[in-house]
Amino acid sequence: MATTQKLQQEDLVPFFERLMKNDPEMSTAIAAIHTLIEFLKGNTAETVSELTTDLKEAGHQLQTSDQSVVSVESGCELFLRFITLTALDKQDFSECKRLLIERGQLYLQRAAQARAKITRLGMPFIHDGATILTHSRSRVVLNMLQEAAKANKRFTIFVTESQPDKSGYIMEKSLEEAGVPTFVILDAAVGYIMERVDLVIFGAEGVVESGGIINKIGTYQIAVVAKAANKPVYAVAESFKFVRLFPLNQQEAPNKCKEGDSNGSDMSRHFSVDYTPPSYINLLVTDLGVLTPSAVSDELIKLYC
């Protein structure tokens, strides 16, 4: 049994990364939940306690992938919390397992509907003639802008190049295909372009307890410039990205580094995410509603209690 379980654990990350590769539009957290459900189906545990422990270990294993650690962590935690809320007083363990899988699939269905809800709630913020600045590439922001274009709203997008992976160019291509005038700007040009912008819209890899967000590196400095220029900043994120973290500064935010040079010095590393405090965010558009940053902690309590 131990060997089988070890093989299942070793297969988790490759399965998860195949999901992401086969469907680039799939959210990282959704892919993690898919993986946990498949793991749950083939798990050989004989008690609910063992099964829960195995699922927690599987979630930790998924966090070793090259995808967003914060999104994976929040998605796995909320998934585990949701499925274990069901009554597990059945004497037959196989029936308990069936109920857990059923709950997991229900959670997955609800999570998959999050983008549509966010788009509906976020559409009023995109008005005719608006000039919008966004950063990097966010699937949920892209979906909202595409739907706004389908609704015949006329607006212009500036998107940052977003070094080091230059994902802003991917965002530009998708928006141009939707008929949205889009211009890529250098990351260093944010201050220059801000006076021409009406609003800023970000995605988020994670929404922390304070109402701040963890997102692609460069988000924080854009938010600082926007506040100095008195431009509204809206963060757009699914509720399965709400995570129980309370960073007070950049060093306390979860981060991954990518080596830039081979000399091994700290200055050669490219940090992938940063933390934007709630004071720089006007509103968060989520599938739970349009929230002020201060309301996030209450929603986290509801999700985890």
C-alpha atoms as a PDB file:
ATOM      1  CA  MET A   1       0.000   0.000   0.000  1.00  0.00           C
ATOM      2  CA  ALA A   2       2.830   2.400   0.827  1.00  0.00           C
ATOM      3  CA  THR A   3       4.393   1.913  -2.617  1.00  0.00           C
ATOM      4  CA  THR A   4       1.092   2.601  -4.374  1.00  0.00           C
ATOM      5  CA  GLN A   5       0.560   5.732  -2.324  1.00  0.00           C
ATOM      6  CA  LYS A   6       4.084   6.931  -3.107  1.00  0.00           C
ATOM      7  CA  LEU A   7       3.471   6.483  -6.834  1.00  0.00           C
ATOM      8  CA  GLN A   8       0.245   8.475  -6.545  1.00  0.00           C
ATOM      9  CA  GLN A   9       2.079  11.283  -4.802  1.00  0.00           C
ATOM     10  CA  GLU A  10       4.789  11.308  -7.449  1.00  0.00           C
ATOM     11  CA  ASP A  11       2.194  11.506 -10.221  1.00  0.00           C
ATOM     12  CA  LEU A  12       0.406  14.530  -8.759  1.00  0.00           C
ATOM     13  CA  VAL A  13       2.590  17.335 -10.116  1.00  0.00           C
ATOM     14  CA  PRO A  14       2.947  15.857 -13.646  1.00  0.00           C
ATOM     15  CA  PHE A  15      -0.840  15.358 -13.827  1.00  0.00           C
ATOM     16  CA  PHE A  16      -1.433  18.904 -12.592  1.00  0.00           C
ATOM     17  CA  GLU A  17       1.026  20.413 -15.063  1.00  0.00           C
ATOM     18  CA  ARG A  18      -0.520  18.424 -17.941  1.00  0.00           C
ATOM     19  CA  LEU A  19      -3.892  19.941 -17.084  1.00  0.00           C
ATOM     20  CA  MET A  20      -2.400  23.436 -17.244  1.00  0.00           C
ATOM     21  CA  LYS A  21      -0.636  22.676 -20.523  1.00  0.00           C
ATOM     22  CA  ASN A  22      -3.705  21.142 -22.182  1.00  0.00           C
ATOM     23  CA  ASP A  23      -5.970  24.021 -21.138  1.00  0.00           C
ATOM     24  CA  PRO A  24      -4.003  27.283 -20.779  1.00  0.00           C
ATOM     25  CA  GLU A  25      -7.192  29.130 -19.821  1.00  0.00           C
ATOM     26  CA  MET A  26      -7.736  26.954 -16.762  1.00  0.00           C
ATOM     27  CA  SER A  27      -7.069  28.683 -13.456  1.00  0.00           C
ATOM     28  CA  THR A  28      -4.179  27.294 -11.431  1.00  0.00           C
ATOM     29  CA  ALA A  29      -6.453  26.696  -8.439  1.00  0.00           C
ATOM     30  CA  ILE A  30      -9.047  24.905 -10.602  1.00  0.00           C
ATOM     31  CA  ALA A  31      -6.341  22.613 -11.998  1.00  0.00           C
ATOM     32  CA  ALA A  32      -5.202  21.859  -8.436  1.00  0.00           C
ATOM     33  CA  ILE A  33      -8.770  20.966  -7.415  1.00  0.00           C
ATOM     34  CA  HIS A  34      -9.149  18.710 -10.481  1.00  0.00           C
ATOM     35  CA  THR A  35      -5.944  16.956  -9.442  1.00  0.00           C
ATOM     36  CA  LEU A  36      -7.108  16.461  -5.854  1.00  0.00           C
ATOM     37  CA  ILE A  37     -10.394  14.946  -7.012  1.00  0.00           C
ATOM     38  CA  GLU A  38      -8.560  12.421  -9.212  1.00  0.00           C
ATOM     39  CA  PHE A  39      -6.213  11.689  -6.314  1.00  0.00           C
ATOM     40  CA  LEU A  40      -9.216  11.192  -4.048  1.00  0.00           C
ATOM     41  CA  LYS A  41     -10.804   8.693  -6.455  1.00  0.00           C
ATOM     42  CA  GLY A  42      -7.721   6.467  -6.524  1.00  0.00           C
ATOM     43  CA  ASN A  43      -6.662   6.890  -2.903  1.00  0.00           C
ATOM     44  CA  THR A  44      -6.208   3.682  -0.896  1.00  0.00           C
ATOM     45  CA  ALA A  45      -6.763   5.101   2.603  1.00  0.00           C
ATOM     46  CA  GLU A  46      -9.118   3.101   4.813  1.00  0.00           C
ATOM     47  CA  THR A  47     -10.345   5.821   7.175  1.00  0.00           C
ATOM     48  CA  VAL A  48     -11.559   9.387   6.801  1.00  0.00           C
ATOM     49  CA  SER A  49      -8.672  10.591   8.973  1.00  0.00           C
ATOM     50  CA  GLU A  50      -6.107   8.909   6.728  1.00  0.00           C
ATOM     51  CA  LEU A  51      -7.823  10.247   3.635  1.00  0.00           C
ATOM     52  CA  THR A  52      -7.816  13.810   4.961  1.00  0.00           C
ATOM     53  CA  THR A  53      -4.133  13.544   5.837  1.00  0.00           C
ATOM     54  CA  ASP A  54      -3.346  12.217   2.355  1.00  0.00           C
ATOM     55  CA  LEU A  55      -5.251  15.110   0.738  1.00  0.00           C
ATOM     56  CA  LYS A  56      -3.327  17.651   2.806  1.00  0.00           C
ATOM     57  CA  GLU A  57      -0.040  16.042   1.787  1.00  0.00           C
ATOM     58  CA  ALA A  58      -1.186  16.055  -1.845  1.00  0.00           C
ATOM     59  CA  GLY A  59      -1.897  19.788  -1.582  1.00  0.00           C
ATOM     60  CA  HIS A  60       1.606  20.414  -0.242  1.00  0.00           C
ATOM     61  CA  GLN A  61       3.026  18.342  -3.090  1.00  0.00           C
ATOM     62  CA  LEU A  62       1.226  20.483  -5.676  1.00  0.00           C
ATOM     63  CA  GLN A  63       2.818  23.591  -4.176  1.00  0.00           C
ATOM     64  CA  THR A  64       6.207  22.330  -5.371  1.00  0.00           C
ATOM     65  CA  SER A  65       5.167  22.841  -9.008  1.00  0.00           C
ATOM     66  CA  ASP A  66       6.223  25.782 -11.149  1.00  0.00           C
ATOM     67  CA  GLN A  67       2.734  27.312 -10.962  1.00  0.00           C
ATOM     68  CA  SER A  68       1.471  29.984  -8.559  1.00  0.00           C
ATOM     69  CA  VAL A  69       2.084  28.726  -5.014  1.00  0.00           C
ATOM     70  CA  VAL A  70      -0.495  31.103  -3.506  1.00  0.00           C
ATOM     71  CA  SER A  71      -3.317  30.075  -5.867  1.00  0.00           C
ATOM     72  CA  VAL A  72      -2.582  26.386  -5.347  1.00  0.00           C
ATOM     73  CA  GLU A  73      -2.466  26.776  -1.574  1.00  0.00           C
ATOM     74  CA  SER A  74      -5.749  28.692  -1.331  1.00  0.00           C
ATOM     75  CA  GLY A  75      -7.547  26.414  -3.814  1.00  0.00           C
ATOM     76  CA  CYS A  76      -6.468  23.243  -2.003  1.00  0.00           C
ATOM     77  CA  GLU A  77      -7.300  24.572   1.461  1.00  0.00           C
ATOM     78  CA  LEU A  78     -10.774  25.756   0.494  1.00  0.00           C
ATOM     79  CA  PHE A  79     -11.482  22.556  -1.422  1.00  0.00           C
ATOM     80  CA  LEU A  80     -10.538  20.424   1.579  1.00  0.00           C
ATOM     81  CA  ARG A  81     -12.594  22.613   3.890  1.00  0.00           C
ATOM     82  CA  PHE A  82     -15.649  22.408   1.620  1.00  0.00           C
ATOM     83  CA  ILE A  83     -15.697  18.648   1.100  1.00  0.00           C
ATOM     84  CA  THR A  84     -15.189  17.850   4.791  1.00  0.00           C
ATOM     85  CA  LEU A  85     -18.217  19.931   5.764  1.00  0.00           C
ATOM     86  CA  THR A  86     -20.428  17.065   4.610  1.00  0.00           C
ATOM     87  CA  ALA A  87     -21.824  14.652   7.186  1.00  0.00           C
ATOM     88  CA  LEU A  88     -19.501  11.665   7.383  1.00  0.00           C
ATOM     89  CA  ASP A  89     -21.470   9.589   9.864  1.00  0.00           C
ATOM     90  CA  LYS A  90     -21.866   6.682   7.461  1.00  0.00           C
ATOM     91  CA  GLN A  91     -20.561   3.382   8.797  1.00  0.00           C
ATOM     92  CA  ASP A  92     -19.481   2.314   5.312  1.00  0.00           C
ATOM     93  CA  PHE A  93     -16.213   4.077   4.456  1.00  0.00           C
ATOM     94  CA  SER A  94     -16.781   3.614   0.717  1.00  0.00           C
ATOM     95  CA  GLU A  95     -20.006   5.601   1.077  1.00  0.00           C
ATOM     96  CA  CYS A  96     -18.123   8.347   2.935  1.00  0.00           C
ATOM     97  CA  LYS A  97     -15.581   8.470   0.139  1.00  0.00           C
ATOM     98  CA  ARG A  98     -18.340   8.649  -2.463  1.00  0.00           C
ATOM     99  CA  LEU A  99     -19.841  11.628  -0.615  1.00  0.00           C
ATOM    100  CA  LEU A 100     -16.468  13.376  -0.499  1.00  0.00           C
ATOM    101  CA  ILE A 101     -15.972  12.926  -4.240  1.00  0.00           C
ATOM    102  CA  GLU A 102     -19.513  14.186  -4.860  1.00  0.00           C
ATOM    103  CA  ARG A 103     -18.855  17.259  -2.737  1.00  0.00           C
ATOM    104  CA  GLY A 104     -15.562  17.816  -4.518  1.00  0.00           C
ATOM    105  CA  GLN A 105     -17.197  17.794  -7.928  1.00  0.00           C
ATOM    106  CA  LEU A 106     -19.872  20.206  -6.672  1.00  0.00           C
ATOM    107  CA  TYR A 107     -17.174  22.581  -5.424  1.00  0.00           C
ATOM    108  CA  LEU A 108     -15.422  22.339  -8.776  1.00  0.00           C
ATOM    109  CA  GLN A 109     -18.633  23.245 -10.616  1.00  0.00           C
ATOM    110  CA  ARG A 110     -19.159  26.282  -8.391  1.00  0.00           C
ATOM    111  CA  ALA A 111     -15.550  27.385  -8.796  1.00  0.00           C
ATOM    112  CA  ALA A 112     -15.792  27.058 -12.573  1.00  0.00           C
ATOM    113  CA  GLN A 113     -18.695  29.524 -12.592  1.00  0.00           C
ATOM    114  CA  ALA A 114     -16.715  32.194 -10.735  1.00  0.00           C
ATOM    115  CA  ARG A 115     -15.405  34.022 -13.803  1.00  0.00           C
ATOM    116  CA  ALA A 116     -18.883  34.471 -15.257  1.00  0.00           C
ATOM    117  CA  LYS A 117     -20.108  35.991 -11.969  1.00  0.00           C
ATOM    118  CA  ILE A 118     -17.100  38.292 -11.743  1.00  0.00           C
ATOM    119  CA  THR A 119     -17.587  39.443 -15.330  1.00  0.00           C
ATOM    120  CA  ARG A 120     -21.226  40.319 -14.650  1.00  0.00           C
ATOM    121  CA  LEU A 121     -20.312  42.292 -11.509  1.00  0.00           C
ATOM    122  CA  GLY A 122     -17.310  43.988 -13.103  1.00  0.00           C
ATOM    123  CA  MET A 123     -18.930  45.137 -16.347  1.00  0.00           C
ATOM    124  CA  PRO A 124     -20.326  48.395 -14.863  1.00  0.00           C
ATOM    125  CA  PHE A 125     -16.770  49.556 -14.109  1.00  0.00           C
ATOM    126  CA  ILE A 126     -15.901  49.475 -17.820  1.00  0.00           C
ATOM    127  CA  HIS A 127     -17.614  52.418 -19.484  1.00  0.00           C
ATOM    128  CA  ASP A 128     -17.585  53.704 -23.047  1.00  0.00           C
ATOM    129  CA  GLY A 129     -14.520  55.749 -23.890  1.00  0.00           C
ATOM    130  CA  ALA A 130     -12.501  54.460 -20.923  1.00  0.00           C
ATOM    131  CA  THR A 131      -8.751  54.070 -21.019  1.00  0.00           C
ATOM    132  CA  ILE A 132      -7.709  51.162 -18.819  1.00  0.00           C
ATOM    133  CA  LEU A 133      -4.313  50.065 -17.561  1.00  0.00           C
ATOM    134  CA  THR A 134      -3.769  46.416 -16.709  1.00  0.00           C
ATOM    135  CA  HIS A 135      -0.695  44.438 -15.770  1.00  0.00           C
ATOM    136  CA  SER A 136       0.691  41.230 -17.241  1.00  0.00           C
ATOM    137  CA  ARG A 137      -1.906  38.619 -18.229  1.00  0.00           C
ATOM    138  CA  SER A 138      -4.853  37.680 -16.053  1.00  0.00           C
ATOM    139  CA  ARG A 139      -7.410  35.147 -17.294  1.00  0.00           C
ATOM    140  CA  VAL A 140     -10.270  36.647 -15.306  1.00  0.00           C
ATOM    141  CA  VAL A 141      -9.440  40.224 -16.379  1.00  0.00           C
ATOM    142  CA  LEU A 142      -9.184  39.064 -19.983  1.00  0.00           C
ATOM    143  CA  ASN A 143     -12.584  37.363 -19.767  1.00  0.00           C
ATOM    144  CA  MET A 144     -14.170  40.533 -18.386  1.00  0.00           C
ATOM    145  CA  LEU A 145     -12.674  42.725 -21.108  1.00  0.00           C
ATOM    146  CA  GLN A 146     -13.648  40.285 -23.853  1.00  0.00           C
ATOM    147  CA  GLU A 147     -17.243  40.236 -22.645  1.00  0.00           C
ATOM    148  CA  ALA A 148     -17.277  44.032 -22.435  1.00  0.00           C
ATOM    149  CA  ALA A 149     -16.148  44.162 -26.064  1.00  0.00           C
ATOM    150  CA  LYS A 150     -18.929  41.736 -27.044  1.00  0.00           C
ATOM    151  CA  ALA A 151     -21.378  44.093 -25.325  1.00  0.00           C
ATOM    152  CA  ASN A 152     -20.200  46.800 -27.767  1.00  0.00           C
ATOM    153  CA  LYS A 153     -18.407  48.837 -25.137  1.00  0.00           C
ATOM    154  CA  ARG A 154     -15.624  50.943 -26.613  1.00  0.00           C
ATOM    155  CA  PHE A 155     -12.459  51.266 -24.571  1.00  0.00           C
ATOM    156  CA  THR A 156      -8.691  51.259 -24.904  1.00  0.00           C
ATOM    157  CA  ILE A 157      -6.224  49.098 -23.012  1.00  0.00           C
ATOM    158  CA  PHE A 158      -2.641  49.779 -22.001  1.00  0.00           C
ATOM    159  CA  VAL A 159      -0.953  46.604 -20.781  1.00  0.00           C
ATOM    160  CA  THR A 160       2.504  46.377 -19.266  1.00  0.00           C
ATOM    161  CA  GLU A 161       5.118  44.290 -21.025  1.00  0.00           C
ATOM    162  CA  SER A 162       5.559  42.420 -17.728  1.00  0.00           C
ATOM    163  CA  GLN A 163       9.141  41.258 -17.547  1.00  0.00           C
ATOM    164  CA  PRO A 164      10.751  38.793 -17.295  1.00  0.00           C
ATOM    165  CA  ASP A 165       8.288  36.540 -19.199  1.00  0.00           C
ATOM    166  CA  LYS A 166       6.721  39.342 -21.302  1.00  0.00           C
ATOM    167  CA  SER A 167       3.224  37.970 -20.706  1.00  0.00           C
ATOM    168  CA  GLY A 168       1.786  41.385 -21.577  1.00  0.00           C
ATOM    169  CA  TYR A 169       2.270  40.545 -25.254  1.00  0.00           C
ATOM    170  CA  ILE A 170       0.072  37.460 -24.860  1.00  0.00           C
ATOM    171  CA  MET A 171      -2.596  39.651 -23.258  1.00  0.00           C
ATOM    172  CA  GLU A 172      -2.297  42.141 -26.115  1.00  0.00           C
ATOM    173  CA  LYS A 173      -2.795  39.441 -28.746  1.00  0.00           C
ATOM    174  CA  SER A 174      -5.917  38.068 -27.029  1.00  0.00           C
ATOM    175  CA  LEU A 175      -7.463  41.532 -26.687  1.00  0.00           C
ATOM    176  CA  GLU A 176      -6.656  42.517 -30.267  1.00  0.00           C
ATOM    177  CA  GLU A 177      -8.396  39.334 -31.429  1.00  0.00           C
ATOM    178  CA  ALA A 178     -11.451  40.515 -29.479  1.00  0.00           C
ATOM    179  CA  GLY A 179     -11.328  43.853 -31.296  1.00  0.00           C
ATOM    180  CA  VAL A 180     -10.038  45.875 -28.344  1.00  0.00           C
ATOM    181  CA  PRO A 181      -7.402  48.564 -29.146  1.00  0.00           C
ATOM    182  CA  THR A 182      -4.448  47.488 -27.020  1.00  0.00           C
ATOM    183  CA  PHE A 183      -0.983  48.918 -26.541  1.00  0.00           C
ATOM    184  CA  VAL A 184       1.947  47.285 -24.748  1.00  0.00           C
ATOM    185  CA  ILE A 185       4.038  49.651 -22.640  1.00  0.00           C
ATOM    186  CA  LEU A 186       7.343  49.159 -20.867  1.00  0.00           C
ATOM    187  CA  ASP A 187       7.069  48.357 -17.169  1.00  0.00           C
ATOM    188  CA  ALA A 188       9.087  51.515 -16.530  1.00  0.00           C
ATOM    189  CA  ALA A 189       6.566  53.639 -18.484  1.00  0.00           C
ATOM    190  CA  VAL A 190       3.722  53.262 -15.972  1.00  0.00           C
ATOM    191  CA  GLY A 191       4.341  56.673 -14.386  1.00  0.00           C
ATOM    192  CA  TYR A 192       4.444  58.325 -17.794  1.00  0.00           C
ATOM    193  CA  ILE A 193       1.183  56.770 -19.039  1.00  0.00           C
ATOM    194  CA  MET A 194      -0.833  57.031 -15.803  1.00  0.00           C
ATOM    195  CA  GLU A 195      -2.156  60.559 -16.503  1.00  0.00           C
ATOM    196  CA  ARG A 196      -3.923  59.182 -19.612  1.00  0.00           C
ATOM    197  CA  VAL A 197      -5.589  56.347 -17.694  1.00  0.00           C
ATOM    198  CA  ASP A 198      -9.108  56.365 -16.202  1.00  0.00           C
ATOM    199  CA  LEU A 199      -8.754  53.239 -14.068  1.00  0.00           C
ATOM    200  CA  VAL A 200      -6.443  50.327 -13.297  1.00  0.00           C
ATOM    201  CA  ILE A 201      -7.594  46.693 -13.238  1.00  0.00           C
ATOM    202  CA  PHE A 202      -5.469  43.868 -11.845  1.00  0.00           C
ATOM    203  CA  GLY A 203      -5.911  40.165 -11.507  1.00  0.00           C
ATOM    204  CA  ALA A 204      -4.590  38.475  -8.377  1.00  0.00           C
ATOM    205  CA  GLU A 205      -2.811  35.242  -7.583  1.00  0.00           C
ATOM    206  CA  GLY A 206      -4.013  35.519  -4.002  1.00  0.00           C
ATOM    207  CA  VAL A 207      -6.184  37.767  -1.825  1.00  0.00           C
ATOM    208  CA  VAL A 208      -4.909  37.940   1.764  1.00  0.00           C
ATOM    209  CA  GLU A 209      -6.811  38.556   5.016  1.00  0.00           C
ATOM    210  CA  SER A 210      -6.175  42.299   5.048  1.00  0.00           C
ATOM    211  CA  GLY A 211      -7.740  42.715   1.598  1.00  0.00           C
ATOM    212  CA  GLY A 212      -4.378  43.200  -0.059  1.00  0.00           C
ATOM    213  CA  ILE A 213      -3.337  41.097  -3.023  1.00  0.00           C
ATOM    214  CA  ILE A 214      -0.392  38.992  -4.088  1.00  0.00           C
ATOM    215  CA  ASN A 215       0.148  39.239  -7.820  1.00  0.00           C
ATOM    216  CA  LYS A 216       2.725  39.321 -10.623  1.00  0.00           C
ATOM    217  CA  ILE A 217       5.803  41.368  -9.775  1.00  0.00           C
ATOM    218  CA  GLY A 218       5.268  45.040 -10.614  1.00  0.00           C
ATOM    219  CA  THR A 219       1.670  45.201  -9.368  1.00  0.00           C
ATOM    220  CA  TYR A 220       2.617  47.054  -6.204  1.00  0.00           C
ATOM    221  CA  GLN A 221       4.518  49.857  -7.908  1.00  0.00           C
ATOM    222  CA  ILE A 222       1.690  50.371 -10.416  1.00  0.00           C
ATOM    223  CA  ALA A 223      -0.788  50.671  -7.528  1.00  0.00           C
ATOM    224  CA  VAL A 224       1.469  53.221  -5.788  1.00  0.00           C
ATOM    225  CA  VAL A 225       1.665  55.356  -8.944  1.00  0.00           C
ATOM    226  CA  ALA A 226      -2.100  55.070  -9.486  1.00  0.00           C
ATOM    227  CA  LYS A 227      -2.836  56.282  -5.965  1.00  0.00           C
ATOM    228  CA  ALA A 228      -0.448  59.204  -6.369  1.00  0.00           C
ATOM    229  CA  ALA A 229      -2.296  60.137  -9.573  1.00  0.00           C
ATOM    230  CA  ASN A 230      -5.709  59.627  -7.888  1.00  0.00           C
ATOM    231  CA  LYS A 231      -6.715  56.829 -10.263  1.00  0.00           C
ATOM    232  CA  PRO A 232      -9.037  54.042  -8.990  1.00  0.00           C
ATOM    233  CA  VAL A 233      -7.554  50.555  -8.691  1.00  0.00           C
ATOM    234  CA  TYR A 234      -9.747  47.463  -8.908  1.00  0.00           C
ATOM    235  CA  ALA A 235      -8.543  43.947  -8.157  1.00  0.00           C
ATOM    236  CA  VAL A 236     -10.402  41.076  -9.808  1.00  0.00           C
ATOM    237  CA  ALA A 237     -10.173  37.594  -8.270  1.00  0.00           C
ATOM    238  CA  GLU A 238     -12.123  34.414  -7.666  1.00  0.00           C
ATOM    239  CA  SER A 239     -12.979  33.603  -4.036  1.00  0.00           C
ATOM    240  CA  PHE A 240     -10.984  30.357  -4.201  1.00  0.00           C
ATOM    241  CA  LYS A 241      -7.914  32.610  -4.258  1.00  0.00           C
ATOM    242  CA  PHE A 242      -8.696  33.952  -0.776  1.00  0.00           C
ATOM    243  CA  VAL A 243      -5.864  32.761   1.434  1.00  0.00           C
ATOM    244  CA  ARG A 244      -5.220  32.871   5.164  1.00  0.00           C
ATOM    245  CA  LEU A 245      -2.119  35.036   5.108  1.00  0.00           C
ATOM    246  CA  PHE A 246      -1.467  38.427   6.694  1.00  0.00           C
ATOM    247  CA  PRO A 247       1.770  39.860   5.257  1.00  0.00           C
ATOM    248  CA  LEU A 248       2.891  43.212   6.623  1.00  0.00           C
ATOM    249  CA  ASN A 249       5.571  43.842   4.007  1.00  0.00           C
ATOM    250  CA  GLN A 250       7.132  42.391   0.876  1.00  0.00           C
ATOM    251  CA  GLN A 251       9.442  40.070   2.804  1.00  0.00           C
ATOM    252  CA  GLU A 252       6.491  38.377   4.529  1.00  0.00           C
ATOM    253  CA  ALA A 253       4.667  37.657   1.273  1.00  0.00           C
ATOM    254  CA  PRO A 254       5.107  34.169  -0.238  1.00  0.00           C
ATOM    255  CA  ASN A 255       7.532  34.406  -3.104  1.00  0.00           C
ATOM    256  CA  LYS A 256       9.386  32.294  -5.588  1.00  0.00           C
ATOM    257  CA  CYS A 257      12.674  33.298  -7.186  1.00  0.00           C
ATOM    258  CA  LYS A 258      13.980  32.481 -10.612  1.00  0.00           C
ATOM    259  CA  GLU A 259      17.700  32.538 -11.181  1.00  0.00           C
ATOM    260  CA  GLY A 260      18.696  35.268 -13.614  1.00  0.00           C
ATOM    261  CA  ASP A 261      22.437  34.646 -13.688  1.00  0.00           C
ATOM    262  CA  SER A 262      24.701  31.816 -12.675  1.00  0.00           C
ATOM    263  CA  ASN A 263      26.733  33.688 -10.057  1.00  0.00           C
ATOM    264  CA  GLY A 264      24.249  32.819  -7.291  1.00  0.00           C
ATOM    265  CA  SER A 265      24.038  36.310  -5.786  1.00  0.00           C
ATOM    266  CA  ASP A 266      20.735  37.649  -4.478  1.00  0.00           C
ATOM    267  CA  MET A 267      20.829  40.461  -7.024  1.00  0.00           C
ATOM    268  CA  SER A 268      20.696  37.889  -9.842  1.00  0.00           C
ATOM    269  CA  ARG A 269      17.261  36.633  -8.809  1.00  0.00           C
ATOM    270  CA  HIS A 270      14.007  37.714 -10.424  1.00  0.00           C
ATOM    271  CA  PHE A 271      11.148  37.750  -7.922  1.00  0.00           C
ATOM    272  CA  SER A 272       7.892  36.554  -9.446  1.00  0.00           C
ATOM    273  CA  VAL A 273       5.250  38.183  -7.209  1.00  0.00           C
ATOM    274  CA  ASP A 274       4.798  41.141  -4.886  1.00  0.00           C
ATOM    275  CA  TYR A 275       2.317  42.245  -2.239  1.00  0.00           C
ATOM    276  CA  THR A 276      -0.003  45.232  -2.719  1.00  0.00           C
ATOM    277  CA  PRO A 277      -1.433  46.515   0.601  1.00  0.00           C
ATOM    278  CA  PRO A 278      -5.198  47.172   0.854  1.00  0.00           C
ATOM    279  CA  SER A 279      -4.686  50.932   1.120  1.00  0.00           C
ATOM    280  CA  TYR A 280      -3.848  50.983  -2.595  1.00  0.00           C
ATOM    281  CA  ILE A 281      -6.956  49.068  -3.699  1.00  0.00           C
ATOM    282  CA  ASN A 282     -10.363  50.722  -4.060  1.00  0.00           C
ATOM    283  CA  LEU A 283     -12.501  47.621  -4.550  1.00  0.00           C
ATOM    284  CA  LEU A 284     -12.185  43.901  -5.169  1.00  0.00           C
ATOM    285  CA  VAL A 285     -14.533  42.348  -7.726  1.00  0.00           C
ATOM    286  CA  THR A 286     -15.141  38.715  -6.747  1.00  0.00           C
ATOM    287  CA  ASP A 287     -17.760  36.028  -7.269  1.00  0.00           C
ATOM    288  CA  LEU A 288     -18.888  36.766  -3.687  1.00  0.00           C
ATOM    289  CA  GLY A 289     -19.685  40.345  -4.686  1.00  0.00           C
ATOM    290  CA  VAL A 290     -17.921  43.683  -5.012  1.00  0.00           C
ATOM    291  CA  LEU A 291     -15.990  44.039  -1.761  1.00  0.00           C
ATOM    292  CA  THR A 292     -14.012  46.701   0.007  1.00  0.00           C
ATOM    293  CA  PRO A 293     -10.626  45.406   1.169  1.00  0.00           C
ATOM    294  CA  SER A 294     -11.809  45.522   4.786  1.00  0.00           C
ATOM    295  CA  ALA A 295     -14.641  43.102   3.963  1.00  0.00           C
ATOM    296  CA  VAL A 296     -12.276  40.324   2.870  1.00  0.00           C
ATOM    297  CA  SER A 297     -11.531  39.147   6.408  1.00  0.00           C
ATOM    298  CA  ASP A 298     -15.263  38.619   7.049  1.00  0.00           C
ATOM    299  CA  GLU A 299     -15.592  36.574   3.865  1.00  0.00           C
ATOM    300  CA  LEU A 300     -12.561  34.483   4.829  1.00  0.00           C
ATOM    301  CA  ILE A 301     -14.195  33.696   8.164  1.00  0.00           C
ATOM    302  CA  LYS A 302     -17.309  32.520   6.323  1.00  0.00           C
ATOM    303  CA  LEU A 303     -15.257  30.377   3.955  1.00  0.00           C
ATOM    304  CA  TYR A 304     -13.173  28.670   6.599  1.00  0.00           C
ATOM    305  CA  CYS A 305     -15.663  28.400   9.488  1.00  0.00           C
END
